[in-house]
Structure formats: C-alpha cells, structure tokens
Amino acid sequence: MPKSGQPISIIPLTGIPEIKPNDDIVKITLEAAIDSGLSIDMGDVLVFAQKIISKAENRIVDLNRVSPSPYAHTLSKEVSKDPRLIEVILSETTKIIKMDQRKPEKGRLIVETRGGVISANAGVDASNVSGGDMVTLLPIDSDKSAERLAEGFKEKLGIDVAIIITDTVGRPWRDGLVDIAIGCSGIRALKDYRGEADSKGFELNATVMAVADEIASAAGLLMEKANSVPVILIKGYKYETGGRGAKELIRNPEDDLFR
C-alpha cells in the first residue's frame, strides 16, 4: 500500500445563499469562493450536500398536493407517519427492506431507493425546506448531477475538478449519523489495493477502500447543517480519476448478507 504523508485541506465555503429551483450551483459556488478569497484549482474536490442539489433541480414536493393511496394509508398507521409523506416515500422506493415500528413516534421505512441507495424514508426530508408541508427528494440520478456540475466547472474554469454529492445516513450496528457519497464525478469512488504489498511486504487480498465515502464523511465534519454550510472545498488529496460514479459503492444484492 503506498505511503501517504501529504496534508490535505478541508475548507467550508461560507456565504452560500438559500438555494431555489433552477439556481446555478456552479455560479453560486464560484462567487462564494471568490468572496472567501479562495481559488478552485485543478485536482480539487468539491463536496456538495444533497439538499442544495435537490432544491436546484426542483426535487421539492408539496404534501398538500399529494393524494395517498390505500396502501400508503395502511403503512402510515404502522409507522405513525403522515400518509402523504408515505406516498412520497413509496414513489421513490423500489423495495421496502424493513419497517421500524418499535417506537411509534419515530417509525420509519428502510428502503432501497430508485438510485439503489439503502436509506431511511428514501431520503425524503423536511429539514431545511421552506414551508411545513414541503419535502425534498434525492436527485433522480446523483451521479448525473455530479457530472453536470463537473462539466459546469470545466466550462467556467477550464479545469477538471472532482465532484461528490453527499447525504446523511444511519448505519446498522452503530449509533450516530455519517455522510456518504451518493453521487460523484471525476473521482474513482473505490480504491483497490488488492495485489499490492502492505508495510510488511505481504500481499493485500481484500482491501478496497471506499474513498468517496471517506471524503464525504470528512467534509461532513464541516457541513454544519444547522448553520447552512452545504459546500466543502478539499485541496491536496491525490485521487484516482475515472470510475462509474457512486454507484460503484452499492453492493451487489447477491453479495449482501443482510438483504
């Protein structure tokens, strides 16, 4: 495994305004960087909280315009949630993995989203959205969203930067939430060390690191959700380019012991 001793910088981009549908995220990010006296350079990584991407892509639903199905009404009683919210969750779901009914006031659905991510309530979220009955959905295709951002920075700056879009999730067997990569472009999400030698000279045969998730979690330390810091600039990290986006991080169901 190669040695790494180079420091990296993880920098919050402050001054990002409230994002509205069809806002130009690239333009807004560049303006925030300039206002902070920062440059975005070749090889940097930009990490975006999913919420601002969803808002810009108009992935916002007014629950007052949702008509719940009979099935949504049934599920809503089992997990003590608004049937309109359940209907929206179902619309973003390909498979219900588990229903948490242990605490009625905190009932939730663990589902597989249309993008293949396993998450609570399909990532449907009412936090940081204007209006009590408004919720945001995950981007339709977070990898495509990341690609569009990378292309936008290329067009504006003439350089290649890596883009990671993150969401906050819980984890089996561990308390606390972490940020993971649900979309990325310009960076290989997995780093495969198999076949290389460790520090003692032994061949590694099972080490594949989820670098996009590790970057997402590192950025999450500075993404102060209560204080609206949704964009993080990372400098100095030497990553591999290419890959198939964050979809590489989704384990094949045939290899998953818990599905």
C-alpha atoms as a PDB file:
ATOM      1  CA  MET A   1       0.000   0.000   0.000  1.00  0.00           C
ATOM      2  CA  PRO A   2       1.506   3.357  -0.946  1.00  0.00           C
ATOM      3  CA  LYS A   3       2.568   5.648   1.844  1.00  0.00           C
ATOM      4  CA  SER A   4       0.754   8.921   2.247  1.00  0.00           C
ATOM      5  CA  GLY A   5       2.173  11.829   4.146  1.00  0.00           C
ATOM      6  CA  GLN A   6       0.763  14.787   2.264  1.00  0.00           C
ATOM      7  CA  PRO A   7      -1.569  17.072   4.229  1.00  0.00           C
ATOM      8  CA  ILE A   8      -4.970  17.923   2.820  1.00  0.00           C
ATOM      9  CA  SER A   9      -7.102  20.992   3.447  1.00  0.00           C
ATOM     10  CA  ILE A  10     -10.848  20.762   4.078  1.00  0.00           C
ATOM     11  CA  ILE A  11     -12.367  24.210   3.689  1.00  0.00           C
ATOM     12  CA  PRO A  12     -16.016  25.240   4.207  1.00  0.00           C
ATOM     13  CA  LEU A  13     -17.397  27.603   1.578  1.00  0.00           C
ATOM     14  CA  THR A  14     -19.465  30.065   3.564  1.00  0.00           C
ATOM     15  CA  GLY A  15     -21.945  32.538   2.158  1.00  0.00           C
ATOM     16  CA  ILE A  16     -23.966  30.055   0.083  1.00  0.00           C
ATOM     17  CA  PRO A  17     -27.475  31.580  -0.083  1.00  0.00           C
ATOM     18  CA  GLU A  18     -30.769  29.741   0.217  1.00  0.00           C
ATOM     19  CA  ILE A  19     -30.982  27.679  -2.976  1.00  0.00           C
ATOM     20  CA  LYS A  20     -34.065  27.906  -5.164  1.00  0.00           C
ATOM     21  CA  PRO A  21     -35.236  25.792  -8.117  1.00  0.00           C
ATOM     22  CA  ASN A  22     -33.102  26.271 -11.253  1.00  0.00           C
ATOM     23  CA  ASP A  23     -30.359  28.151  -9.401  1.00  0.00           C
ATOM     24  CA  ASP A  24     -26.908  27.881 -10.997  1.00  0.00           C
ATOM     25  CA  ILE A  25     -24.928  25.950  -8.374  1.00  0.00           C
ATOM     26  CA  VAL A  26     -21.646  26.352 -10.258  1.00  0.00           C
ATOM     27  CA  LYS A  27     -22.005  30.140 -10.437  1.00  0.00           C
ATOM     28  CA  ILE A  28     -23.064  30.387  -6.791  1.00  0.00           C
ATOM     29  CA  THR A  29     -20.130  28.217  -5.679  1.00  0.00           C
ATOM     30  CA  LEU A  30     -17.613  30.269  -7.635  1.00  0.00           C
ATOM     31  CA  GLU A  31     -18.982  33.503  -6.190  1.00  0.00           C
ATOM     32  CA  ALA A  32     -18.760  32.088  -2.648  1.00  0.00           C
ATOM     33  CA  ALA A  33     -15.163  31.020  -3.257  1.00  0.00           C
ATOM     34  CA  ILE A  34     -14.203  34.466  -4.576  1.00  0.00           C
ATOM     35  CA  ASP A  35     -15.918  36.189  -1.636  1.00  0.00           C
ATOM     36  CA  SER A  36     -13.920  33.936   0.726  1.00  0.00           C
ATOM     37  CA  GLY A  37     -10.640  34.680  -1.046  1.00  0.00           C
ATOM     38  CA  LEU A  38     -10.320  31.092  -2.261  1.00  0.00           C
ATOM     39  CA  SER A  39      -9.383  29.666  -5.641  1.00  0.00           C
ATOM     40  CA  ILE A  40     -10.711  26.438  -7.113  1.00  0.00           C
ATOM     41  CA  ASP A  41      -7.805  24.694  -8.797  1.00  0.00           C
ATOM     42  CA  MET A  42      -7.093  21.675 -10.973  1.00  0.00           C
ATOM     43  CA  GLY A  43      -7.489  18.474  -8.976  1.00  0.00           C
ATOM     44  CA  ASP A  44      -9.524  19.968  -6.143  1.00  0.00           C
ATOM     45  CA  VAL A  45     -12.541  18.112  -4.782  1.00  0.00           C
ATOM     46  CA  LEU A  46     -15.851  19.909  -4.275  1.00  0.00           C
ATOM     47  CA  VAL A  47     -18.319  18.246  -1.933  1.00  0.00           C
ATOM     48  CA  PHE A  48     -21.987  19.250  -2.074  1.00  0.00           C
ATOM     49  CA  ALA A  49     -24.745  18.437   0.387  1.00  0.00           C
ATOM     50  CA  GLN A  50     -27.539  16.667  -1.447  1.00  0.00           C
ATOM     51  CA  LYS A  51     -30.154  19.114  -0.211  1.00  0.00           C
ATOM     52  CA  ILE A  52     -28.952  22.060  -2.312  1.00  0.00           C
ATOM     53  CA  ILE A  53     -28.690  19.876  -5.414  1.00  0.00           C
ATOM     54  CA  SER A  54     -32.246  18.652  -4.885  1.00  0.00           C
ATOM     55  CA  LYS A  55     -33.515  22.198  -4.441  1.00  0.00           C
ATOM     56  CA  ALA A  56     -31.749  23.438  -7.577  1.00  0.00           C
ATOM     57  CA  GLU A  57     -33.184  20.502  -9.537  1.00  0.00           C
ATOM     58  CA  ASN A  58     -36.664  21.288  -8.179  1.00  0.00           C
ATOM     59  CA  ARG A  59     -36.926  17.957  -6.387  1.00  0.00           C
ATOM     60  CA  ILE A  60     -39.395  19.502  -3.972  1.00  0.00           C
ATOM     61  CA  VAL A  61     -42.877  18.190  -3.216  1.00  0.00           C
ATOM     62  CA  ASP A  62     -45.766  19.995  -1.539  1.00  0.00           C
ATOM     63  CA  LEU A  63     -47.537  17.383   0.570  1.00  0.00           C
ATOM     64  CA  ASN A  64     -50.783  19.313   0.163  1.00  0.00           C
ATOM     65  CA  ARG A  65     -50.770  18.226  -3.484  1.00  0.00           C
ATOM     66  CA  VAL A  66     -50.269  14.519  -2.701  1.00  0.00           C
ATOM     67  CA  SER A  67     -53.163  12.031  -2.712  1.00  0.00           C
ATOM     68  CA  PRO A  68     -52.201   8.985  -0.617  1.00  0.00           C
ATOM     69  CA  SER A  69     -53.081   5.529  -1.901  1.00  0.00           C
ATOM     70  CA  PRO A  70     -54.871   2.974   0.299  1.00  0.00           C
ATOM     71  CA  TYR A  71     -51.521   1.212   0.765  1.00  0.00           C
ATOM     72  CA  ALA A  72     -49.931   4.472   1.952  1.00  0.00           C
ATOM     73  CA  HIS A  73     -52.751   4.900   4.466  1.00  0.00           C
ATOM     74  CA  THR A  74     -52.147   1.372   5.763  1.00  0.00           C
ATOM     75  CA  LEU A  75     -48.403   1.857   6.119  1.00  0.00           C
ATOM     76  CA  SER A  76     -48.857   5.257   7.733  1.00  0.00           C
ATOM     77  CA  LYS A  77     -50.724   3.644  10.620  1.00  0.00           C
ATOM     78  CA  GLU A  78     -47.965   1.078  11.109  1.00  0.00           C
ATOM     79  CA  VAL A  79     -45.144   3.622  11.311  1.00  0.00           C
ATOM     80  CA  SER A  80     -47.132   6.620  12.592  1.00  0.00           C
ATOM     81  CA  LYS A  81     -46.344   8.931   9.700  1.00  0.00           C
ATOM     82  CA  ASP A  82     -48.396  11.256   7.547  1.00  0.00           C
ATOM     83  CA  PRO A  83     -49.913   9.127   4.740  1.00  0.00           C
ATOM     84  CA  ARG A  84     -48.991  11.849   2.253  1.00  0.00           C
ATOM     85  CA  LEU A  85     -45.347  11.503   3.291  1.00  0.00           C
ATOM     86  CA  ILE A  86     -45.596   7.721   2.991  1.00  0.00           C
ATOM     87  CA  GLU A  87     -46.951   8.107  -0.539  1.00  0.00           C
ATOM     88  CA  VAL A  88     -43.960  10.265  -1.495  1.00  0.00           C
ATOM     89  CA  ILE A  89     -41.552   7.763   0.084  1.00  0.00           C
ATOM     90  CA  LEU A  90     -43.167   4.921  -1.858  1.00  0.00           C
ATOM     91  CA  SER A  91     -42.834   6.891  -5.099  1.00  0.00           C
ATOM     92  CA  GLU A  92     -39.049   6.989  -4.550  1.00  0.00           C
ATOM     93  CA  THR A  93     -38.767   3.340  -3.473  1.00  0.00           C
ATOM     94  CA  THR A  94     -38.061   0.161  -5.412  1.00  0.00           C
ATOM     95  CA  LYS A  95     -38.100  -2.161  -2.397  1.00  0.00           C
ATOM     96  CA  ILE A  96     -39.015  -1.944   1.288  1.00  0.00           C
ATOM     97  CA  ILE A  97     -36.183  -3.562   3.247  1.00  0.00           C
ATOM     98  CA  LYS A  98     -37.565  -3.148   6.759  1.00  0.00           C
ATOM     99  CA  MET A  99     -40.210  -1.262   8.721  1.00  0.00           C
ATOM    100  CA  ASP A 100     -39.200   0.130  12.103  1.00  0.00           C
ATOM    101  CA  GLN A 101     -42.286   0.025  14.329  1.00  0.00           C
ATOM    102  CA  ARG A 102     -40.573  -0.173  17.731  1.00  0.00           C
ATOM    103  CA  LYS A 103     -41.155   3.466  18.609  1.00  0.00           C
ATOM    104  CA  PRO A 104     -44.411   4.677  17.042  1.00  0.00           C
ATOM    105  CA  GLU A 105     -43.367   8.318  17.292  1.00  0.00           C
ATOM    106  CA  LYS A 106     -40.167   7.516  15.361  1.00  0.00           C
ATOM    107  CA  GLY A 107     -41.438   4.954  12.889  1.00  0.00           C
ATOM    108  CA  ARG A 108     -39.550   4.713   9.623  1.00  0.00           C
ATOM    109  CA  LEU A 109     -39.164   2.716   6.467  1.00  0.00           C
ATOM    110  CA  ILE A 110     -35.764   1.389   5.455  1.00  0.00           C
ATOM    111  CA  VAL A 111     -35.938   1.155   1.683  1.00  0.00           C
ATOM    112  CA  GLU A 112     -33.956   0.801  -1.496  1.00  0.00           C
ATOM    113  CA  THR A 113     -34.289   3.998  -3.497  1.00  0.00           C
ATOM    114  CA  ARG A 114     -34.593   4.266  -7.255  1.00  0.00           C
ATOM    115  CA  GLY A 115     -30.900   5.154  -7.265  1.00  0.00           C
ATOM    116  CA  GLY A 116     -30.022   1.935  -5.430  1.00  0.00           C
ATOM    117  CA  VAL A 117     -29.131   3.521  -2.076  1.00  0.00           C
ATOM    118  CA  ILE A 118     -30.466   1.891   1.098  1.00  0.00           C
ATOM    119  CA  SER A 119     -31.771   4.667   3.337  1.00  0.00           C
ATOM    120  CA  ALA A 120     -34.419   5.648   5.840  1.00  0.00           C
ATOM    121  CA  ASN A 121     -37.567   7.000   4.226  1.00  0.00           C
ATOM    122  CA  ALA A 122     -35.933   7.031   0.758  1.00  0.00           C
ATOM    123  CA  GLY A 123     -34.060  10.212   1.643  1.00  0.00           C
ATOM    124  CA  VAL A 124     -37.304  12.209   1.715  1.00  0.00           C
ATOM    125  CA  ASP A 125     -36.597  15.077   4.094  1.00  0.00           C
ATOM    126  CA  ALA A 126     -38.484  18.028   5.550  1.00  0.00           C
ATOM    127  CA  SER A 127     -35.492  19.734   7.197  1.00  0.00           C
ATOM    128  CA  ASN A 128     -34.073  22.964   5.749  1.00  0.00           C
ATOM    129  CA  VAL A 129     -37.047  23.370   3.406  1.00  0.00           C
ATOM    130  CA  SER A 130     -39.257  26.454   3.436  1.00  0.00           C
ATOM    131  CA  GLY A 131     -42.790  25.600   4.466  1.00  0.00           C
ATOM    132  CA  GLY A 132     -44.064  22.992   6.913  1.00  0.00           C
ATOM    133  CA  ASP A 133     -45.595  20.736   4.252  1.00  0.00           C
ATOM    134  CA  MET A 134     -42.695  20.853   1.791  1.00  0.00           C
ATOM    135  CA  VAL A 135     -40.224  17.972   1.467  1.00  0.00           C
ATOM    136  CA  THR A 136     -37.205  17.353  -0.721  1.00  0.00           C
ATOM    137  CA  LEU A 137     -36.388  14.185  -2.634  1.00  0.00           C
ATOM    138  CA  LEU A 138     -32.988  12.841  -3.596  1.00  0.00           C
ATOM    139  CA  PRO A 139     -31.762  13.798  -7.081  1.00  0.00           C
ATOM    140  CA  ILE A 140     -33.125  11.474  -9.752  1.00  0.00           C
ATOM    141  CA  ASP A 141     -29.571  10.402 -10.641  1.00  0.00           C
ATOM    142  CA  SER A 142     -26.931  11.816  -8.293  1.00  0.00           C
ATOM    143  CA  ASP A 143     -24.053  10.655 -10.495  1.00  0.00           C
ATOM    144  CA  LYS A 144     -25.548  12.553 -13.433  1.00  0.00           C
ATOM    145  CA  SER A 145     -25.995  15.587 -11.199  1.00  0.00           C
ATOM    146  CA  ALA A 146     -22.314  15.362 -10.244  1.00  0.00           C
ATOM    147  CA  GLU A 147     -21.330  15.039 -13.911  1.00  0.00           C
ATOM    148  CA  ARG A 148     -23.263  18.182 -14.803  1.00  0.00           C
ATOM    149  CA  LEU A 149     -21.528  20.105 -12.027  1.00  0.00           C
ATOM    150  CA  ALA A 150     -18.098  18.867 -13.143  1.00  0.00           C
ATOM    151  CA  GLU A 151     -18.893  19.933 -16.702  1.00  0.00           C
ATOM    152  CA  GLY A 152     -20.034  23.326 -15.431  1.00  0.00           C
ATOM    153  CA  PHE A 153     -16.773  23.956 -13.581  1.00  0.00           C
ATOM    154  CA  LYS A 154     -14.829  22.765 -16.626  1.00  0.00           C
ATOM    155  CA  GLU A 155     -16.713  25.248 -18.785  1.00  0.00           C
ATOM    156  CA  LYS A 156     -16.231  28.152 -16.363  1.00  0.00           C
ATOM    157  CA  LEU A 157     -12.651  27.485 -15.239  1.00  0.00           C
ATOM    158  CA  GLY A 158     -11.152  25.281 -17.948  1.00  0.00           C
ATOM    159  CA  ILE A 159     -10.007  22.723 -15.367  1.00  0.00           C
ATOM    160  CA  ASP A 160     -11.058  19.321 -14.075  1.00  0.00           C
ATOM    161  CA  VAL A 161     -12.310  19.048 -10.511  1.00  0.00           C
ATOM    162  CA  ALA A 162     -13.845  16.085  -8.716  1.00  0.00           C
ATOM    163  CA  ILE A 163     -17.423  16.371  -7.507  1.00  0.00           C
ATOM    164  CA  ILE A 164     -19.009  14.425  -4.647  1.00  0.00           C
ATOM    165  CA  ILE A 165     -22.659  14.740  -3.618  1.00  0.00           C
ATOM    166  CA  THR A 166     -23.394  13.557  -0.088  1.00  0.00           C
ATOM    167  CA  ASP A 167     -26.316  12.508   2.045  1.00  0.00           C
ATOM    168  CA  THR A 168     -26.532  11.814   5.761  1.00  0.00           C
ATOM    169  CA  VAL A 169     -27.428   8.263   6.759  1.00  0.00           C
ATOM    170  CA  GLY A 170     -27.598   5.998   9.775  1.00  0.00           C
ATOM    171  CA  ARG A 171     -25.652   2.732   9.959  1.00  0.00           C
ATOM    172  CA  PRO A 172     -26.550  -0.765  11.123  1.00  0.00           C
ATOM    173  CA  TRP A 173     -24.934  -1.693  14.448  1.00  0.00           C
ATOM    174  CA  ARG A 174     -23.657   1.826  15.162  1.00  0.00           C
ATOM    175  CA  ASP A 175     -25.260   4.934  16.619  1.00  0.00           C
ATOM    176  CA  GLY A 176     -24.837   8.323  15.030  1.00  0.00           C
ATOM    177  CA  LEU A 177     -25.172   9.621  11.503  1.00  0.00           C
ATOM    178  CA  VAL A 178     -22.457   9.975   8.875  1.00  0.00           C
ATOM    179  CA  ASP A 179     -22.262  11.490   5.415  1.00  0.00           C
ATOM    180  CA  ILE A 180     -21.788   9.167   2.452  1.00  0.00           C
ATOM    181  CA  ALA A 181     -21.307   9.739  -1.268  1.00  0.00           C
ATOM    182  CA  ILE A 182     -24.490   9.237  -3.286  1.00  0.00           C
ATOM    183  CA  GLY A 183     -23.085  10.811  -6.442  1.00  0.00           C
ATOM    184  CA  CYS A 184     -19.637  11.561  -7.789  1.00  0.00           C
ATOM    185  CA  SER A 185     -17.806  12.514 -10.957  1.00  0.00           C
ATOM    186  CA  GLY A 186     -14.142  12.804 -11.856  1.00  0.00           C
ATOM    187  CA  ILE A 187     -13.006  10.606  -8.976  1.00  0.00           C
ATOM    188  CA  ARG A 188     -12.918   6.844  -8.609  1.00  0.00           C
ATOM    189  CA  ALA A 189     -15.226   6.036  -5.690  1.00  0.00           C
ATOM    190  CA  LEU A 190     -13.310   2.883  -4.720  1.00  0.00           C
ATOM    191  CA  LYS A 191      -9.551   2.487  -4.380  1.00  0.00           C
ATOM    192  CA  ASP A 192      -8.461  -1.115  -4.894  1.00  0.00           C
ATOM    193  CA  TYR A 193      -5.257  -2.106  -3.096  1.00  0.00           C
ATOM    194  CA  ARG A 194      -5.574  -5.824  -3.841  1.00  0.00           C
ATOM    195  CA  GLY A 195      -2.358  -7.254  -5.204  1.00  0.00           C
ATOM    196  CA  GLU A 196      -0.217  -4.535  -3.639  1.00  0.00           C
ATOM    197  CA  ALA A 197       2.078  -5.117  -0.670  1.00  0.00           C
ATOM    198  CA  ASP A 198       1.421  -3.857   2.842  1.00  0.00           C
ATOM    199  CA  SER A 199       4.089  -2.217   5.031  1.00  0.00           C
ATOM    200  CA  LYS A 200       5.476  -5.678   5.932  1.00  0.00           C
ATOM    201  CA  GLY A 201       5.630  -6.853   2.345  1.00  0.00           C
ATOM    202  CA  PHE A 202       2.584  -9.125   2.497  1.00  0.00           C
ATOM    203  CA  GLU A 203       0.175  -9.078  -0.426  1.00  0.00           C
ATOM    204  CA  LEU A 204      -3.169  -7.418   0.199  1.00  0.00           C
ATOM    205  CA  ASN A 205      -6.080  -9.538  -0.982  1.00  0.00           C
ATOM    206  CA  ALA A 206      -9.207  -7.869   0.395  1.00  0.00           C
ATOM    207  CA  THR A 207      -8.501  -4.148   0.788  1.00  0.00           C
ATOM    208  CA  VAL A 208     -10.827  -1.973  -1.278  1.00  0.00           C
ATOM    209  CA  MET A 209     -11.300   1.453   0.292  1.00  0.00           C
ATOM    210  CA  ALA A 210     -14.483   3.500  -0.178  1.00  0.00           C
ATOM    211  CA  VAL A 211     -12.600   6.757  -0.682  1.00  0.00           C
ATOM    212  CA  ALA A 212     -15.638   8.738  -1.852  1.00  0.00           C
ATOM    213  CA  ASP A 213     -17.455   7.848   1.372  1.00  0.00           C
ATOM    214  CA  GLU A 214     -14.394   8.749   3.433  1.00  0.00           C
ATOM    215  CA  ILE A 215     -14.170  12.139   1.725  1.00  0.00           C
ATOM    216  CA  ALA A 216     -17.903  12.649   2.254  1.00  0.00           C
ATOM    217  CA  SER A 217     -17.566  11.922   5.971  1.00  0.00           C
ATOM    218  CA  ALA A 218     -14.553  14.208   6.313  1.00  0.00           C
ATOM    219  CA  ALA A 219     -16.481  17.003   4.606  1.00  0.00           C
ATOM    220  CA  GLY A 220     -19.431  16.274   6.881  1.00  0.00           C
ATOM    221  CA  LEU A 221     -17.382  17.447   9.860  1.00  0.00           C
ATOM    222  CA  LEU A 222     -17.595  20.985   8.458  1.00  0.00           C
ATOM    223  CA  MET A 223     -21.040  20.794   6.851  1.00  0.00           C
ATOM    224  CA  GLU A 224     -22.796  22.458   9.739  1.00  0.00           C
ATOM    225  CA  LYS A 225     -26.347  21.680   8.694  1.00  0.00           C
ATOM    226  CA  ALA A 226     -27.845  23.982  11.311  1.00  0.00           C
ATOM    227  CA  ASN A 227     -25.695  26.844  10.018  1.00  0.00           C
ATOM    228  CA  SER A 228     -26.038  26.203   6.270  1.00  0.00           C
ATOM    229  CA  VAL A 229     -22.572  25.201   5.092  1.00  0.00           C
ATOM    230  CA  PRO A 230     -23.509  22.909   2.184  1.00  0.00           C
ATOM    231  CA  VAL A 231     -20.319  23.102   0.089  1.00  0.00           C
ATOM    232  CA  ILE A 232     -16.818  21.994   1.071  1.00  0.00           C
ATOM    233  CA  LEU A 233     -13.599  22.531  -0.894  1.00  0.00           C
ATOM    234  CA  ILE A 234     -10.863  19.918  -0.466  1.00  0.00           C
ATOM    235  CA  LYS A 235      -7.311  20.606  -1.581  1.00  0.00           C
ATOM    236  CA  GLY A 236      -4.271  18.363  -1.648  1.00  0.00           C
ATOM    237  CA  TYR A 237      -5.907  14.940  -1.864  1.00  0.00           C
ATOM    238  CA  LYS A 238      -4.410  12.809  -4.636  1.00  0.00           C
ATOM    239  CA  TYR A 239      -7.243  10.725  -6.035  1.00  0.00           C
ATOM    240  CA  GLU A 240      -7.702   8.390  -8.966  1.00  0.00           C
ATOM    241  CA  THR A 241      -9.849   9.728 -11.784  1.00  0.00           C
ATOM    242  CA  GLY A 242     -12.434   7.776 -13.741  1.00  0.00           C
ATOM    243  CA  GLY A 243     -14.770   5.153 -12.376  1.00  0.00           C
ATOM    244  CA  ARG A 244     -18.521   4.713 -12.721  1.00  0.00           C
ATOM    245  CA  GLY A 245     -19.631   7.182 -10.077  1.00  0.00           C
ATOM    246  CA  ALA A 246     -21.007   6.490  -6.622  1.00  0.00           C
ATOM    247  CA  LYS A 247     -22.969   3.533  -7.966  1.00  0.00           C
ATOM    248  CA  GLU A 248     -19.716   1.576  -7.589  1.00  0.00           C
ATOM    249  CA  LEU A 249     -20.234   1.797  -3.828  1.00  0.00           C
ATOM    250  CA  ILE A 250     -23.548  -0.061  -3.894  1.00  0.00           C
ATOM    251  CA  ARG A 251     -23.011  -3.702  -3.026  1.00  0.00           C
ATOM    252  CA  ASN A 252     -24.469  -6.263  -5.403  1.00  0.00           C
ATOM    253  CA  PRO A 253     -27.532  -7.821  -3.685  1.00  0.00           C
ATOM    254  CA  GLU A 254     -26.132 -11.300  -4.408  1.00  0.00           C
ATOM    255  CA  ASP A 255     -23.084 -10.395  -2.292  1.00  0.00           C
ATOM    256  CA  ASP A 256     -25.077  -8.766   0.508  1.00  0.00           C
ATOM    257  CA  LEU A 257     -25.541 -10.977   3.582  1.00  0.00           C
ATOM    258  CA  PHE A 258     -28.268  -8.774   5.035  1.00  0.00           C
ATOM    259  CA  ARG A 259     -30.792  -8.480   2.213  1.00  0.00           C
END
